[in-house]
N, C-alpha and C. Protein backbone atom coordinates (compact mmCIF):
# COMPACT_ATOMS: atom_id res chain seq x y z
N MET A 1 78.48 116.10 102.31
CA MET A 1 78.24 114.65 102.22
C MET A 1 80.49 114.44 101.58
N ALA A 2 80.79 113.62 101.97
CA ALA A 2 82.27 113.36 101.38
C ALA A 2 82.53 112.30 100.76
N LEU A 3 83.52 112.39 100.48
CA LEU A 3 84.23 111.11 99.74
C LEU A 3 85.22 110.20 100.62
N GLU A 4 85.34 108.96 101.09
CA GLU A 4 86.25 108.29 102.36
C GLU A 4 86.67 107.08 101.07
N ILE A 5 88.04 107.50 101.25
CA ILE A 5 88.79 106.64 100.39
C ILE A 5 90.03 105.98 101.58
N GLU A 6 89.91 104.72 101.62
CA GLU A 6 90.57 104.25 102.46
C GLU A 6 91.19 102.87 102.18
N ARG A 7 92.38 102.21 102.53
CA ARG A 7 92.27 100.75 102.71
C ARG A 7 92.14 100.07 104.01
N LYS A 8 92.13 99.06 104.14
CA LYS A 8 91.96 98.29 105.65
C LYS A 8 92.90 97.14 105.62
N PHE A 9 93.26 97.01 106.69
CA PHE A 9 94.13 95.97 106.98
C PHE A 9 94.02 95.22 108.29
N ARG A 10 94.04 93.51 108.36
CA ARG A 10 93.70 92.88 109.62
C ARG A 10 95.20 92.99 109.96
N MET A 11 95.04 93.21 111.41
CA MET A 11 96.40 93.60 111.82
C MET A 11 96.80 92.69 113.18
N ASN A 12 97.84 92.22 113.71
CA ASN A 12 97.97 91.39 114.66
C ASN A 12 98.04 92.05 116.19
N GLY A 13 97.99 93.46 115.95
CA GLY A 13 98.36 94.26 117.34
C GLY A 13 98.77 95.49 116.55
N PHE A 14 98.97 96.26 117.60
CA PHE A 14 99.31 97.71 117.28
C PHE A 14 100.62 97.79 117.26
N PRO A 15 101.18 98.57 116.18
CA PRO A 15 102.59 98.80 115.65
C PRO A 15 103.43 99.73 116.76
N GLU A 16 104.05 98.64 117.80
CA GLU A 16 104.54 99.57 118.86
C GLU A 16 105.81 100.35 118.17
N HIS A 17 106.31 100.02 116.82
CA HIS A 17 107.56 100.62 116.45
C HIS A 17 107.27 102.06 115.76
N LEU A 18 106.09 102.39 116.03
CA LEU A 18 105.42 103.80 115.48
C LEU A 18 105.05 104.55 116.55
N LYS A 19 105.10 105.60 116.51
CA LYS A 19 104.76 106.58 117.74
C LYS A 19 103.25 107.04 117.71
N CYS A 20 102.91 106.92 118.86
CA CYS A 20 101.51 107.01 118.91
C CYS A 20 101.04 108.60 118.96
N LEU A 21 100.11 109.20 118.18
CA LEU A 21 99.74 110.30 117.96
C LEU A 21 98.59 110.84 118.54
N ARG A 22 97.90 109.53 118.88
CA ARG A 22 96.40 109.86 119.75
C ARG A 22 95.69 108.65 120.05
N GLN A 23 95.03 108.84 121.12
CA GLN A 23 94.63 107.32 121.45
C GLN A 23 93.06 107.97 122.12
N VAL A 24 92.34 106.88 121.49
CA VAL A 24 90.51 107.32 122.20
C VAL A 24 89.87 105.99 122.49
N ASP A 25 89.02 106.17 123.19
CA ASP A 25 88.37 105.37 123.70
C ASP A 25 86.98 105.54 122.93
N ILE A 26 86.40 104.46 121.79
CA ILE A 26 85.05 104.35 121.09
C ILE A 26 84.00 103.08 121.80
N GLU A 27 83.04 103.97 121.49
CA GLU A 27 81.93 103.16 121.45
C GLU A 27 81.29 103.02 119.93
N GLN A 28 80.98 102.05 119.46
CA GLN A 28 80.29 103.00 118.46
C GLN A 28 78.74 101.33 118.13
N GLY A 29 77.84 102.09 117.37
CA GLY A 29 76.85 101.24 117.49
C GLY A 29 75.87 101.34 115.65
N TYR A 30 74.46 100.83 115.62
CA TYR A 30 74.16 100.86 114.73
C TYR A 30 72.72 100.87 114.30
N ILE A 31 72.26 102.26 114.32
CA ILE A 31 70.69 102.04 114.21
C ILE A 31 70.14 101.76 113.24
N SER A 32 70.82 101.38 111.88
CA SER A 32 70.32 100.72 110.48
C SER A 32 71.98 100.35 109.81
N VAL A 33 71.51 99.26 109.43
CA VAL A 33 72.96 98.71 108.34
C VAL A 33 72.76 98.69 106.96
N GLU A 34 71.42 99.01 106.67
CA GLU A 34 71.16 99.59 105.24
C GLU A 34 70.25 100.08 105.55
N PRO A 35 70.15 101.17 104.86
CA PRO A 35 71.42 102.12 104.55
C PRO A 35 72.17 102.06 105.86
N GLU A 36 73.88 101.97 106.50
CA GLU A 36 74.46 102.11 107.40
C GLU A 36 74.38 103.23 107.94
N ILE A 37 73.72 103.36 109.01
CA ILE A 37 73.21 104.67 109.66
C ILE A 37 73.67 103.90 111.45
N ARG A 38 74.93 105.05 111.73
CA ARG A 38 76.17 104.95 113.10
C ARG A 38 75.86 105.84 114.06
N ILE A 39 76.22 105.28 115.33
CA ILE A 39 76.34 106.11 116.24
C ILE A 39 77.27 106.11 116.89
N HIS A 40 78.11 107.15 117.52
CA HIS A 40 79.85 106.83 117.82
C HIS A 40 79.46 108.11 119.05
N LYS A 41 80.47 107.25 119.79
CA LYS A 41 81.01 108.21 120.95
C LYS A 41 82.90 108.08 121.34
N ALA A 42 82.91 108.91 121.38
CA ALA A 42 84.69 108.94 121.33
C ALA A 42 85.28 110.05 122.59
N VAL A 43 86.18 109.04 123.43
CA VAL A 43 86.80 109.73 124.58
C VAL A 43 88.21 109.92 124.19
N ASP A 44 88.44 111.22 124.20
CA ASP A 44 89.84 111.56 124.37
C ASP A 44 90.76 110.93 125.57
N ARG A 45 91.54 109.62 125.34
CA ARG A 45 92.42 109.61 126.66
C ARG A 45 93.20 110.78 127.36
N ASN A 46 94.03 111.78 126.27
CA ASN A 46 94.75 112.45 126.72
C ASN A 46 94.08 113.84 127.35
N THR A 47 93.00 114.15 126.56
CA THR A 47 92.22 115.32 127.16
C THR A 47 90.80 115.28 127.85
N GLY A 48 90.26 113.73 127.79
CA GLY A 48 89.25 113.65 128.28
C GLY A 48 88.20 114.10 127.51
N LYS A 49 88.49 114.90 126.54
CA LYS A 49 87.25 115.69 125.63
C LYS A 49 86.33 113.67 124.60
N THR A 50 85.08 114.26 125.50
CA THR A 50 83.89 113.34 125.09
C THR A 50 83.15 114.31 123.63
N ASN A 51 83.25 113.46 122.38
CA ASN A 51 82.18 113.99 121.04
C ASN A 51 81.09 112.81 120.78
N TYR A 52 80.78 113.12 120.65
CA TYR A 52 79.17 112.30 119.75
C TYR A 52 79.01 112.49 118.23
N ARG A 53 78.90 111.49 117.57
CA ARG A 53 78.95 111.41 116.20
C ARG A 53 77.61 110.90 115.36
N LEU A 54 76.73 111.28 114.73
CA LEU A 54 75.92 110.45 113.58
C LEU A 54 76.88 110.28 112.36
N THR A 55 77.00 108.94 111.61
CA THR A 55 77.29 108.93 110.31
C THR A 55 76.67 107.97 109.94
N VAL A 56 76.48 108.56 108.19
CA VAL A 56 75.33 107.65 107.15
C VAL A 56 76.72 107.30 106.33
N LYS A 57 76.95 105.50 105.82
CA LYS A 57 77.33 105.69 104.80
C LYS A 57 77.50 105.25 104.01
N GLY A 58 77.29 105.27 102.31
CA GLY A 58 77.20 104.45 101.35
C GLY A 58 77.66 103.13 101.11
N ASN A 59 77.24 102.26 100.21
CA ASN A 59 77.93 100.97 99.51
C ASN A 59 79.36 101.16 99.62
N GLY A 60 80.24 100.47 99.49
CA GLY A 60 81.32 100.90 98.49
C GLY A 60 82.72 100.04 99.16
N THR A 61 84.20 99.89 98.93
CA THR A 61 84.81 99.50 99.67
C THR A 61 86.42 99.98 99.01
N LEU A 62 86.92 100.77 98.46
CA LEU A 62 87.80 101.28 98.81
C LEU A 62 87.46 102.79 98.73
N SER A 63 86.57 103.57 98.20
CA SER A 63 85.74 104.65 98.27
C SER A 63 84.47 104.36 98.64
N ARG A 64 83.75 105.24 98.99
CA ARG A 64 82.32 105.76 99.65
C ARG A 64 81.70 107.22 100.31
N THR A 65 80.53 107.04 99.96
CA THR A 65 80.68 108.84 100.70
C THR A 65 80.37 108.45 101.90
N GLU A 66 80.17 109.30 102.79
CA GLU A 66 80.23 109.16 103.95
C GLU A 66 79.27 110.71 104.18
N ILE A 67 78.65 111.28 105.73
CA ILE A 67 78.16 112.00 105.74
C ILE A 67 77.88 112.29 107.48
N LYS A 68 78.42 113.17 108.06
CA LYS A 68 78.71 112.98 109.34
C LYS A 68 78.57 114.14 110.01
N THR A 69 77.46 114.22 111.17
CA THR A 69 76.87 115.38 112.16
C THR A 69 77.36 115.44 113.42
N GLY A 70 78.19 116.29 114.29
CA GLY A 70 77.72 116.15 115.54
C GLY A 70 76.28 115.80 116.55
N ILE A 71 76.27 115.35 117.24
CA ILE A 71 75.16 115.17 117.93
C ILE A 71 75.28 115.53 119.71
N GLU A 72 74.20 115.70 120.29
CA GLU A 72 74.13 116.13 121.72
C GLU A 72 74.50 114.37 122.25
N GLU A 73 75.05 114.30 123.70
CA GLU A 73 75.08 113.06 124.69
C GLU A 73 73.79 112.62 124.89
N GLN A 74 72.67 113.22 124.76
CA GLN A 74 71.59 112.55 125.23
C GLN A 74 70.78 112.52 123.72
N PHE A 75 71.09 112.89 122.56
CA PHE A 75 71.23 112.09 122.05
C PHE A 75 71.53 110.81 121.48
N TYR A 76 72.94 110.57 121.35
CA TYR A 76 73.61 109.71 121.71
C TYR A 76 72.50 108.36 122.90
N GLN A 77 72.58 108.97 124.00
CA GLN A 77 71.78 107.79 125.37
C GLN A 77 71.17 107.41 124.38
N ASP A 78 69.75 108.48 123.83
CA ASP A 78 68.81 107.80 123.84
C ASP A 78 68.52 107.01 122.79
N ALA A 79 69.70 107.51 121.27
CA ALA A 79 69.65 106.44 120.53
C ALA A 79 70.21 104.69 121.23
N VAL A 80 71.03 104.70 121.97
CA VAL A 80 71.97 103.56 122.57
C VAL A 80 70.70 102.57 123.15
N GLU A 81 69.53 103.24 123.46
CA GLU A 81 68.34 102.34 124.48
C GLU A 81 67.88 101.94 123.52
N PHE A 82 67.90 103.05 121.89
CA PHE A 82 66.92 102.46 121.16
C PHE A 82 67.21 101.02 120.43
N VAL A 83 68.69 101.37 120.23
CA VAL A 83 69.29 100.39 119.38
C VAL A 83 68.94 98.35 119.97
N GLY A 84 69.50 99.11 121.56
CA GLY A 84 69.39 97.77 122.32
C GLY A 84 70.11 96.63 122.51
N HIS A 85 71.20 97.31 121.97
CA HIS A 85 72.15 95.91 121.95
C HIS A 85 73.62 96.74 122.20
N PRO A 86 74.46 95.53 122.71
CA PRO A 86 75.80 96.33 123.33
C PRO A 86 76.36 97.02 122.35
N MET A 87 76.91 97.96 122.64
CA MET A 87 77.63 99.06 121.77
C MET A 87 79.30 97.86 121.66
N ILE A 88 79.57 98.40 120.12
CA ILE A 88 81.43 97.75 119.83
C ILE A 88 81.92 98.67 120.82
N CYS A 89 82.98 98.32 121.27
CA CYS A 89 84.09 98.84 122.20
C CYS A 89 85.27 98.97 120.99
N LYS A 90 86.27 99.81 121.00
CA LYS A 90 87.00 100.30 120.09
C LYS A 90 88.40 101.14 120.94
N ASP A 91 89.43 100.47 121.00
CA ASP A 91 90.45 101.01 121.60
C ASP A 91 91.34 101.32 120.31
N TYR A 92 91.35 102.86 120.14
CA TYR A 92 91.93 103.63 118.85
C TYR A 92 93.10 104.22 118.84
N ARG A 93 93.86 103.81 117.94
CA ARG A 93 95.30 104.72 118.07
C ARG A 93 95.47 105.30 116.79
N SER A 94 95.82 106.51 116.66
CA SER A 94 96.74 106.91 115.33
C SER A 94 98.50 107.08 115.36
N TYR A 95 98.67 106.83 114.10
CA TYR A 95 100.39 106.79 113.84
C TYR A 95 100.37 107.71 112.83
N ASP A 96 101.42 108.20 112.62
CA ASP A 96 102.20 108.50 111.08
C ASP A 96 103.04 107.42 110.60
N LEU A 97 102.58 107.45 109.58
CA LEU A 97 103.18 106.27 108.65
C LEU A 97 103.45 107.27 107.16
N ASP A 98 104.92 107.28 107.52
CA ASP A 98 105.27 108.55 106.12
C ASP A 98 104.30 109.18 105.29
N GLY A 99 104.16 110.01 106.55
CA GLY A 99 103.18 111.02 105.86
C GLY A 99 101.65 111.23 106.20
N TYR A 100 101.46 109.51 106.27
CA TYR A 100 99.90 108.99 106.18
C TYR A 100 99.23 108.99 107.68
N ILE A 101 98.33 109.11 107.70
CA ILE A 101 97.72 108.84 108.78
C ILE A 101 97.63 107.19 109.34
N LEU A 102 97.70 106.52 109.76
CA LEU A 102 97.32 105.06 109.98
C LEU A 102 96.67 105.35 111.54
N GLU A 103 95.48 104.30 111.32
CA GLU A 103 94.36 104.57 112.56
C GLU A 103 93.98 103.04 112.71
N VAL A 104 94.19 102.72 113.98
CA VAL A 104 94.46 101.00 114.34
C VAL A 104 93.46 101.06 115.17
N CYS A 105 92.58 99.95 115.38
CA CYS A 105 91.97 100.12 116.86
C CYS A 105 91.67 98.33 117.02
N CYS A 106 91.80 98.33 118.35
CA CYS A 106 91.28 97.08 118.70
C CYS A 106 89.98 96.80 119.29
N VAL A 107 89.18 96.08 118.38
CA VAL A 107 87.63 96.06 118.81
C VAL A 107 87.59 94.70 119.56
N ASP A 108 86.30 94.98 120.66
CA ASP A 108 85.89 94.29 121.83
C ASP A 108 87.16 93.58 122.44
N ALA A 109 88.47 94.14 122.95
CA ALA A 109 89.59 93.53 123.65
C ALA A 109 88.37 92.40 125.12
N GLY A 110 89.15 92.01 124.75
CA GLY A 110 88.91 90.95 126.08
C GLY A 110 87.41 90.02 125.92
N THR A 111 87.49 89.60 124.69
CA THR A 111 86.18 89.13 123.93
C THR A 111 86.74 87.85 123.13
N GLU A 112 85.84 86.89 122.58
CA GLU A 112 86.23 85.91 122.24
C GLU A 112 86.24 86.20 120.46
N HIS A 113 85.67 87.58 120.38
CA HIS A 113 85.66 88.20 119.01
C HIS A 113 86.71 89.16 118.72
N GLU A 114 87.89 89.66 119.64
CA GLU A 114 88.75 90.74 119.45
C GLU A 114 89.32 90.49 118.34
N PHE A 115 89.53 91.30 117.70
CA PHE A 115 90.48 91.60 116.28
C PHE A 115 91.02 92.90 116.11
N TYR A 116 92.62 92.96 115.65
CA TYR A 116 92.89 94.39 115.26
C TYR A 116 92.78 94.80 113.52
N TYR A 117 92.38 96.17 113.82
CA TYR A 117 92.76 96.04 111.95
C TYR A 117 93.01 97.64 112.09
N GLY A 118 93.47 98.26 110.99
CA GLY A 118 94.19 99.15 110.26
C GLY A 118 93.54 100.04 109.25
N GLU A 119 93.51 100.92 109.06
CA GLU A 119 92.92 101.81 108.21
C GLU A 119 94.13 102.79 107.43
N ILE A 120 93.79 103.57 106.36
CA ILE A 120 94.46 104.55 106.09
C ILE A 120 93.91 105.03 104.89
N GLU A 121 93.69 106.77 105.18
CA GLU A 121 92.49 107.29 104.51
C GLU A 121 93.49 107.62 103.64
N PHE A 122 93.01 108.14 102.13
CA PHE A 122 93.77 108.70 100.83
C PHE A 122 93.25 109.82 100.23
N GLU A 123 93.61 110.84 99.71
CA GLU A 123 92.90 111.79 99.11
C GLU A 123 92.15 111.85 97.90
N SER A 124 92.79 110.44 97.41
CA SER A 124 92.23 110.40 96.07
C SER A 124 92.56 108.69 95.58
N GLU A 125 91.72 107.88 94.34
CA GLU A 125 91.58 106.54 94.48
C GLU A 125 93.00 106.16 93.84
N ALA A 126 93.92 106.87 93.07
CA ALA A 126 94.88 106.51 92.56
C ALA A 126 96.20 106.81 93.73
N ALA A 127 95.83 107.89 94.52
CA ALA A 127 96.97 107.85 95.81
C ALA A 127 96.93 106.38 96.72
N ALA A 128 95.59 105.89 97.08
CA ALA A 128 95.14 104.52 97.47
C ALA A 128 95.70 103.33 96.54
N GLU A 129 95.79 103.53 95.12
CA GLU A 129 96.51 102.11 94.63
C GLU A 129 97.44 102.61 94.79
N ALA A 130 98.52 103.30 94.72
CA ALA A 130 99.64 103.96 94.40
C ALA A 130 100.27 102.92 95.52
N PHE A 131 99.64 102.92 96.96
CA PHE A 131 100.55 103.06 98.34
C PHE A 131 100.45 101.89 98.29
N VAL A 132 101.97 100.90 98.57
CA VAL A 132 102.27 99.76 98.83
C VAL A 132 102.74 99.77 100.60
N PRO A 133 101.95 98.67 101.11
CA PRO A 133 101.84 98.59 102.17
C PRO A 133 103.04 97.75 103.17
N GLU A 134 103.65 98.22 104.49
CA GLU A 134 104.66 97.70 104.94
C GLU A 134 103.58 96.37 105.40
N ASP A 135 105.00 95.66 105.52
CA ASP A 135 104.80 94.33 106.03
C ASP A 135 103.80 93.73 107.60
N PHE A 136 103.90 95.33 108.42
CA PHE A 136 103.68 94.74 109.61
C PHE A 136 101.93 95.30 109.20
N LEU A 137 101.62 95.96 108.36
CA LEU A 137 100.03 96.06 108.25
C LEU A 137 99.18 94.77 108.05
N GLY A 138 99.85 93.75 107.79
CA GLY A 138 99.51 92.54 107.71
C GLY A 138 98.43 91.97 106.30
N THR A 139 97.43 91.68 106.30
CA THR A 139 96.68 91.42 105.12
C THR A 139 95.55 92.12 104.92
N GLU A 140 95.66 92.78 103.42
CA GLU A 140 95.21 93.74 103.80
C GLU A 140 93.42 93.16 103.44
N VAL A 141 92.41 93.45 103.75
CA VAL A 141 90.86 93.06 103.84
C VAL A 141 89.98 94.33 102.91
N THR A 142 90.45 95.30 102.43
CA THR A 142 89.51 96.36 101.87
C THR A 142 88.18 95.93 101.32
N ASP A 143 88.52 94.53 100.05
CA ASP A 143 87.51 94.47 99.53
C ASP A 143 86.41 93.21 99.89
N ASP A 144 87.12 93.20 101.43
CA ASP A 144 86.61 91.79 102.57
C ASP A 144 85.32 92.11 102.88
N ASP A 145 84.26 92.39 102.71
CA ASP A 145 83.18 92.64 103.10
C ASP A 145 82.95 92.21 104.47
N ALA A 146 83.41 90.83 105.20
CA ALA A 146 83.15 90.83 106.46
C ALA A 146 84.23 91.84 107.48
N TYR A 147 85.02 92.32 106.71
CA TYR A 147 85.76 93.17 107.90
C TYR A 147 85.09 94.82 107.72
N LYS A 148 83.72 95.08 107.41
CA LYS A 148 82.95 96.44 107.27
C LYS A 148 82.30 96.17 108.95
N MET A 149 82.45 97.12 109.42
CA MET A 149 81.63 97.62 111.25
C MET A 149 80.57 96.81 110.60
N LYS A 150 79.77 97.40 109.91
CA LYS A 150 78.43 97.18 110.18
C LYS A 150 77.89 95.36 109.75
N ASN A 151 78.89 94.69 109.34
CA ASN A 151 79.13 93.37 109.40
C ASN A 151 79.52 92.32 110.09
N TYR A 152 80.24 93.05 110.97
CA TYR A 152 80.81 92.36 112.41
C TYR A 152 79.51 92.87 113.60
N TRP A 153 78.75 94.20 113.12
CA TRP A 153 78.00 94.48 114.19
C TRP A 153 76.84 93.12 114.14
N ARG A 154 76.69 92.86 112.88
CA ARG A 154 75.39 92.43 112.56
C ARG A 154 75.74 90.76 113.38
N ARG A 155 77.05 90.42 112.99
CA ARG A 155 77.70 89.00 113.38
C ARG A 155 77.44 88.76 114.72
N THR A 156 78.00 89.75 115.42
CA THR A 156 78.22 89.54 116.90
C THR A 156 77.41 90.45 117.67
N ARG A 157 76.63 90.99 117.24
CA ARG A 157 75.04 91.76 117.95
C ARG A 157 73.62 91.17 117.63
N LEU A 158 73.42 91.37 116.32
CA LEU A 158 72.15 90.67 116.09
C LEU A 158 71.87 89.25 115.86
N PHE A 159 72.76 88.84 115.43
CA PHE A 159 72.85 87.08 115.42
C PHE A 159 72.90 86.38 116.49
N GLN A 160 72.90 86.70 117.68
CA GLN A 160 73.93 85.71 118.45
C GLN A 160 72.62 84.99 119.09
């Protein structure tokens, strides 16, 4: 079990002025939202390598516990079928931002729900609180429950 400490930002797009370190296509869905249990498929655009993961997350905003474990492709496919809703699609890109890794996603590109968000993970809450965001990061949404992916899942998959 690990402690995830991150700040989140509602962005207007990918930061073209930063060098992209990695680009991944992600599919993500939820077996449960309370407790939060998600399945995840990630395909690296450079290597073509695919990995599958099951993640359990606790409640919280700036920091929360999480458990991640790799799963087999068949488990992922069975879970997708079990869930019975379309997966969330993300164009994920990571960037170096003054020694931090900025992760930016375009969520459900080309749909009426499309939006961009960025996350920066920190080693401590003190470091997270001391971080001064640059303007291009947009509006901070760390404490806004609407920007938790499980709530986006509820709005766009479960209650349509």
